[in-house]
Amino acid sequence: MTEDTRSPWLIAAIAISEELKKQPPEVQAEFRLLSKKTYPETWKALREKEQEEQK
């Protein structure tokens, strides 16, 4: 996938992620907490995947 064919939503998400990496640790922690509250299914799936990989 090249820059030309990427979705504008994906481009924006990548830009936000890169900007978040520049923020202080407290801001990053708050963002993760908000994300966990907003997208609990995603975090549950990530936890389950990590547990499977540890086995």
PDB file of N, CA and C in Angstrom:
ATOM      1  N   MET A   1       0.845  -1.180   0.000  1.00  0.00           N
ATOM      2  CA  MET A   1       0.000   0.000   0.000  1.00  0.00           C
ATOM      3  C   MET A   1       0.887   1.240   0.000  1.00  0.00           C
ATOM      4  N   THR A   2       0.694   2.085  -0.947  1.00  0.00           N
ATOM      5  CA  THR A   2       1.496   3.302  -1.035  1.00  0.00           C
ATOM      6  C   THR A   2       0.753   4.464  -0.404  1.00  0.00           C
ATOM      7  N   GLU A   3       1.440   5.548  -0.248  1.00  0.00           N
ATOM      8  CA  GLU A   3       0.815   6.759   0.296  1.00  0.00           C
ATOM      9  C   GLU A   3      -0.413   7.156  -0.506  1.00  0.00           C
ATOM     10  N   ASP A   4      -0.355   6.964  -1.834  1.00  0.00           N
ATOM     11  CA  ASP A   4      -1.449   7.379  -2.710  1.00  0.00           C
ATOM     12  C   ASP A   4      -2.704   6.540  -2.519  1.00  0.00           C
ATOM     13  N   THR A   5      -2.541   5.261  -2.145  1.00  0.00           N
ATOM     14  CA  THR A   5      -3.699   4.372  -2.052  1.00  0.00           C
ATOM     15  C   THR A   5      -4.208   4.205  -0.626  1.00  0.00           C
ATOM     16  N   ARG A   6      -3.528   4.769   0.353  1.00  0.00           N
ATOM     17  CA  ARG A   6      -3.978   4.650   1.740  1.00  0.00           C
ATOM     18  C   ARG A   6      -5.238   5.465   1.961  1.00  0.00           C
ATOM     19  N   SER A   7      -6.063   4.952   2.841  1.00  0.00           N
ATOM     20  CA  SER A   7      -7.267   5.663   3.237  1.00  0.00           C
ATOM     21  C   SER A   7      -6.888   6.933   3.996  1.00  0.00           C
ATOM     22  N   PRO A   8      -7.634   8.000   3.796  1.00  0.00           N
ATOM     23  CA  PRO A   8      -7.362   9.220   4.572  1.00  0.00           C
ATOM     24  C   PRO A   8      -7.474   8.969   6.078  1.00  0.00           C
ATOM     25  N   TRP A   9      -8.358   8.050   6.472  1.00  0.00           N
ATOM     26  CA  TRP A   9      -8.512   7.713   7.893  1.00  0.00           C
ATOM     27  C   TRP A   9      -7.248   7.050   8.420  1.00  0.00           C
ATOM     28  N   LEU A  10      -6.657   6.166   7.629  1.00  0.00           N
ATOM     29  CA  LEU A  10      -5.435   5.490   8.040  1.00  0.00           C
ATOM     30  C   LEU A  10      -4.286   6.488   8.137  1.00  0.00           C
ATOM     31  N   ILE A  11      -4.182   7.373   7.185  1.00  0.00           N
ATOM     32  CA  ILE A  11      -3.136   8.396   7.209  1.00  0.00           C
ATOM     33  C   ILE A  11      -3.273   9.257   8.468  1.00  0.00           C
ATOM     34  N   ALA A  12      -4.498   9.637   8.795  1.00  0.00           N
ATOM     35  CA  ALA A  12      -4.737  10.452   9.993  1.00  0.00           C
ATOM     36  C   ALA A  12      -4.410   9.671  11.259  1.00  0.00           C
ATOM     37  N   ALA A  13      -4.783   8.397  11.317  1.00  0.00           N
ATOM     38  CA  ALA A  13      -4.501   7.572  12.495  1.00  0.00           C
ATOM     39  C   ALA A  13      -2.996   7.430  12.711  1.00  0.00           C
ATOM     40  N   ILE A  14      -2.253   7.250  11.635  1.00  0.00           N
ATOM     41  CA  ILE A  14      -0.800   7.139  11.731  1.00  0.00           C
ATOM     42  C   ILE A  14      -0.203   8.457  12.225  1.00  0.00           C
ATOM     43  N   ALA A  15      -0.693   9.562  11.715  1.00  0.00           N
ATOM     44  CA  ALA A  15      -0.203  10.881  12.136  1.00  0.00           C
ATOM     45  C   ALA A  15      -0.485  11.120  13.618  1.00  0.00           C
ATOM     46  N   ILE A  16      -1.673  10.746  14.064  1.00  0.00           N
ATOM     47  CA  ILE A  16      -2.033  10.906  15.477  1.00  0.00           C
ATOM     48  C   ILE A  16      -1.135  10.035  16.344  1.00  0.00           C
ATOM     49  N   SER A  17      -0.910   8.804  15.918  1.00  0.00           N
ATOM     50  CA  SER A  17      -0.055   7.885  16.669  1.00  0.00           C
ATOM     51  C   SER A  17       1.362   8.432  16.789  1.00  0.00           C
ATOM     52  N   GLU A  18       1.893   8.957  15.702  1.00  0.00           N
ATOM     53  CA  GLU A  18       3.243   9.519  15.722  1.00  0.00           C
ATOM     54  C   GLU A  18       3.314  10.744  16.640  1.00  0.00           C
ATOM     55  N   GLU A  19       2.287  11.573  16.612  1.00  0.00           N
ATOM     56  CA  GLU A  19       2.255  12.751  17.469  1.00  0.00           C
ATOM     57  C   GLU A  19       2.149  12.347  18.939  1.00  0.00           C
ATOM     58  N   LEU A  20       1.367  11.311  19.216  1.00  0.00           N
ATOM     59  CA  LEU A  20       1.212  10.831  20.587  1.00  0.00           C
ATOM     60  C   LEU A  20       2.543  10.353  21.165  1.00  0.00           C
ATOM     61  N   LYS A  21       3.381   9.761  20.334  1.00  0.00           N
ATOM     62  CA  LYS A  21       4.696   9.285  20.787  1.00  0.00           C
ATOM     63  C   LYS A  21       5.577  10.438  21.278  1.00  0.00           C
ATOM     64  N   LYS A  22       5.292  11.651  20.844  1.00  0.00           N
ATOM     65  CA  LYS A  22       6.072  12.824  21.233  1.00  0.00           C
ATOM     66  C   LYS A  22       5.591  13.428  22.556  1.00  0.00           C
ATOM     67  N   GLN A  23       4.446  12.964  23.037  1.00  0.00           N
ATOM     68  CA  GLN A  23       3.851  13.525  24.246  1.00  0.00           C
ATOM     69  C   GLN A  23       4.491  12.932  25.500  1.00  0.00           C
ATOM     70  N   PRO A  24       4.343  13.614  26.646  1.00  0.00           N
ATOM     71  CA  PRO A  24       4.887  13.092  27.900  1.00  0.00           C
ATOM     72  C   PRO A  24       4.220  11.764  28.277  1.00  0.00           C
ATOM     73  N   PRO A  25       4.894  10.960  29.097  1.00  0.00           N
ATOM     74  CA  PRO A  25       4.340   9.652  29.497  1.00  0.00           C
ATOM     75  C   PRO A  25       2.955   9.742  30.138  1.00  0.00           C
ATOM     76  N   GLU A  26       2.706  10.820  30.892  1.00  0.00           N
ATOM     77  CA  GLU A  26       1.390  10.961  31.538  1.00  0.00           C
ATOM     78  C   GLU A  26       0.276  11.072  30.487  1.00  0.00           C
ATOM     79  N   VAL A  27       0.539  11.811  29.446  1.00  0.00           N
ATOM     80  CA  VAL A  27      -0.446  11.990  28.373  1.00  0.00           C
ATOM     81  C   VAL A  27      -0.675  10.656  27.662  1.00  0.00           C
ATOM     82  N   GLN A  28       0.397   9.935  27.396  1.00  0.00           N
ATOM     83  CA  GLN A  28       0.280   8.637  26.739  1.00  0.00           C
ATOM     84  C   GLN A  28      -0.529   7.669  27.600  1.00  0.00           C
ATOM     85  N   ALA A  29      -0.293   7.680  28.914  1.00  0.00           N
ATOM     86  CA  ALA A  29      -1.028   6.789  29.818  1.00  0.00           C
ATOM     87  C   ALA A  29      -2.519   7.131  29.824  1.00  0.00           C
ATOM     88  N   GLU A  30      -2.837   8.421  29.864  1.00  0.00           N
ATOM     89  CA  GLU A  30      -4.241   8.839  29.830  1.00  0.00           C
ATOM     90  C   GLU A  30      -4.911   8.433  28.528  1.00  0.00           C
ATOM     91  N   PHE A  31      -4.185   8.549  27.426  1.00  0.00           N
ATOM     92  CA  PHE A  31      -4.735   8.160  26.133  1.00  0.00           C
ATOM     93  C   PHE A  31      -5.032   6.663  26.108  1.00  0.00           C
ATOM     94  N   ARG A  32      -4.106   5.850  26.643  1.00  0.00           N
ATOM     95  CA  ARG A  32      -4.327   4.400  26.674  1.00  0.00           C
ATOM     96  C   ARG A  32      -5.553   4.066  27.527  1.00  0.00           C
ATOM     97  N   LEU A  33      -5.695   4.745  28.666  1.00  0.00           N
ATOM     98  CA  LEU A  33      -6.852   4.516  29.529  1.00  0.00           C
ATOM     99  C   LEU A  33      -8.146   4.870  28.805  1.00  0.00           C
ATOM    100  N   LEU A  34      -8.151   5.999  28.134  1.00  0.00           N
ATOM    101  CA  LEU A  34      -9.335   6.413  27.367  1.00  0.00           C
ATOM    102  C   LEU A  34      -9.628   5.403  26.262  1.00  0.00           C
ATOM    103  N   SER A  35      -8.583   4.942  25.600  1.00  0.00           N
ATOM    104  CA  SER A  35      -8.746   3.974  24.524  1.00  0.00           C
ATOM    105  C   SER A  35      -9.335   2.661  25.057  1.00  0.00           C
ATOM    106  N   LYS A  36      -8.867   2.228  26.226  1.00  0.00           N
ATOM    107  CA  LYS A  36      -9.388   0.991  26.820  1.00  0.00           C
ATOM    108  C   LYS A  36     -10.872   1.121  27.136  1.00  0.00           C
ATOM    109  N   LYS A  37     -11.279   2.307  27.595  1.00  0.00           N
ATOM    110  CA  LYS A  37     -12.690   2.533  27.908  1.00  0.00           C
ATOM    111  C   LYS A  37     -13.532   2.627  26.638  1.00  0.00           C
ATOM    112  N   THR A  38     -12.958   3.186  25.591  1.00  0.00           N
ATOM    113  CA  THR A  38     -13.688   3.400  24.345  1.00  0.00           C
ATOM    114  C   THR A  38     -13.773   2.133  23.504  1.00  0.00           C
ATOM    115  N   TYR A  39     -12.687   1.348  23.513  1.00  0.00           N
ATOM    116  CA  TYR A  39     -12.616   0.156  22.671  1.00  0.00           C
ATOM    117  C   TYR A  39     -12.298  -1.093  23.501  1.00  0.00           C
ATOM    118  N   PRO A  40     -13.181  -1.481  24.444  1.00  0.00           N
ATOM    119  CA  PRO A  40     -12.858  -2.624  25.308  1.00  0.00           C
ATOM    120  C   PRO A  40     -12.699  -3.938  24.550  1.00  0.00           C
ATOM    121  N   GLU A  41     -13.430  -4.117  23.447  1.00  0.00           N
ATOM    122  CA  GLU A  41     -13.326  -5.371  22.693  1.00  0.00           C
ATOM    123  C   GLU A  41     -11.931  -5.518  22.093  1.00  0.00           C
ATOM    124  N   THR A  42     -11.384  -4.424  21.616  1.00  0.00           N
ATOM    125  CA  THR A  42     -10.043  -4.456  21.020  1.00  0.00           C
ATOM    126  C   THR A  42      -9.013  -4.820  22.077  1.00  0.00           C
ATOM    127  N   TRP A  43      -9.097  -4.207  23.234  1.00  0.00           N
ATOM    128  CA  TRP A  43      -8.124  -4.495  24.302  1.00  0.00           C
ATOM    129  C   TRP A  43      -8.283  -5.918  24.800  1.00  0.00           C
ATOM    130  N   LYS A  44      -9.515  -6.413  24.872  1.00  0.00           N
ATOM    131  CA  LYS A  44      -9.743  -7.796  25.287  1.00  0.00           C
ATOM    132  C   LYS A  44      -9.094  -8.748  24.280  1.00  0.00           C
ATOM    133  N   ALA A  45      -9.267  -8.476  23.005  1.00  0.00           N
ATOM    134  CA  ALA A  45      -8.676  -9.316  21.960  1.00  0.00           C
ATOM    135  C   ALA A  45      -7.148  -9.276  22.036  1.00  0.00           C
ATOM    136  N   LEU A  46      -6.581  -8.115  22.295  1.00  0.00           N
ATOM    137  CA  LEU A  46      -5.124  -8.010  22.422  1.00  0.00           C
ATOM    138  C   LEU A  46      -4.610  -8.812  23.609  1.00  0.00           C
ATOM    139  N   ARG A  47      -5.320  -8.735  24.743  1.00  0.00           N
ATOM    140  CA  ARG A  47      -4.926  -9.514  25.933  1.00  0.00           C
ATOM    141  C   ARG A  47      -4.987 -10.994  25.650  1.00  0.00           C
ATOM    142  N   GLU A  48      -6.062 -11.441  24.995  1.00  0.00           N
ATOM    143  CA  GLU A  48      -6.209 -12.855  24.678  1.00  0.00           C
ATOM    144  C   GLU A  48      -5.102 -13.327  23.747  1.00  0.00           C
ATOM    145  N   LYS A  49      -4.744 -12.507  22.775  1.00  0.00           N
ATOM    146  CA  LYS A  49      -3.670 -12.857  21.837  1.00  0.00           C
ATOM    147  C   LYS A  49      -2.343 -12.977  22.579  1.00  0.00           C
ATOM    148  N   GLU A  50      -2.066 -12.036  23.482  1.00  0.00           N
ATOM    149  CA  GLU A  50      -0.830 -12.085  24.261  1.00  0.00           C
ATOM    150  C   GLU A  50      -0.776 -13.353  25.122  1.00  0.00           C
ATOM    151  N   GLN A  51      -1.910 -13.729  25.715  1.00  0.00           N
ATOM    152  CA  GLN A  51      -1.954 -14.936  26.546  1.00  0.00           C
ATOM    153  C   GLN A  51      -1.704 -16.169  25.716  1.00  0.00           C
ATOM    154  N   GLU A  52      -2.260 -16.197  24.506  1.00  0.00           N
ATOM    155  CA  GLU A  52      -2.046 -17.348  23.610  1.00  0.00           C
ATOM    156  C   GLU A  52      -0.575 -17.466  23.223  1.00  0.00           C
ATOM    157  N   GLU A  53       0.059 -16.327  22.979  1.00  0.00           N
ATOM    158  CA  GLU A  53       1.469 -16.327  22.574  1.00  0.00           C
ATOM    159  C   GLU A  53       2.379 -16.771  23.709  1.00  0.00           C
ATOM    160  N   GLN A  54       1.965 -16.530  24.954  1.00  0.00           N
ATOM    161  CA  GLN A  54       2.775 -16.906  26.105  1.00  0.00           C
ATOM    162  C   GLN A  54       2.716 -18.401  26.374  1.00  0.00           C
ATOM    163  N   LYS A  55       1.688 -19.067  25.880  1.00  0.00           N
ATOM    164  CA  LYS A  55       1.524 -20.508  26.120  1.00  0.00           C
ATOM    165  C   LYS A  55       2.456 -21.307  25.269  1.00  0.00           C
TER     166      LYS A  55
END
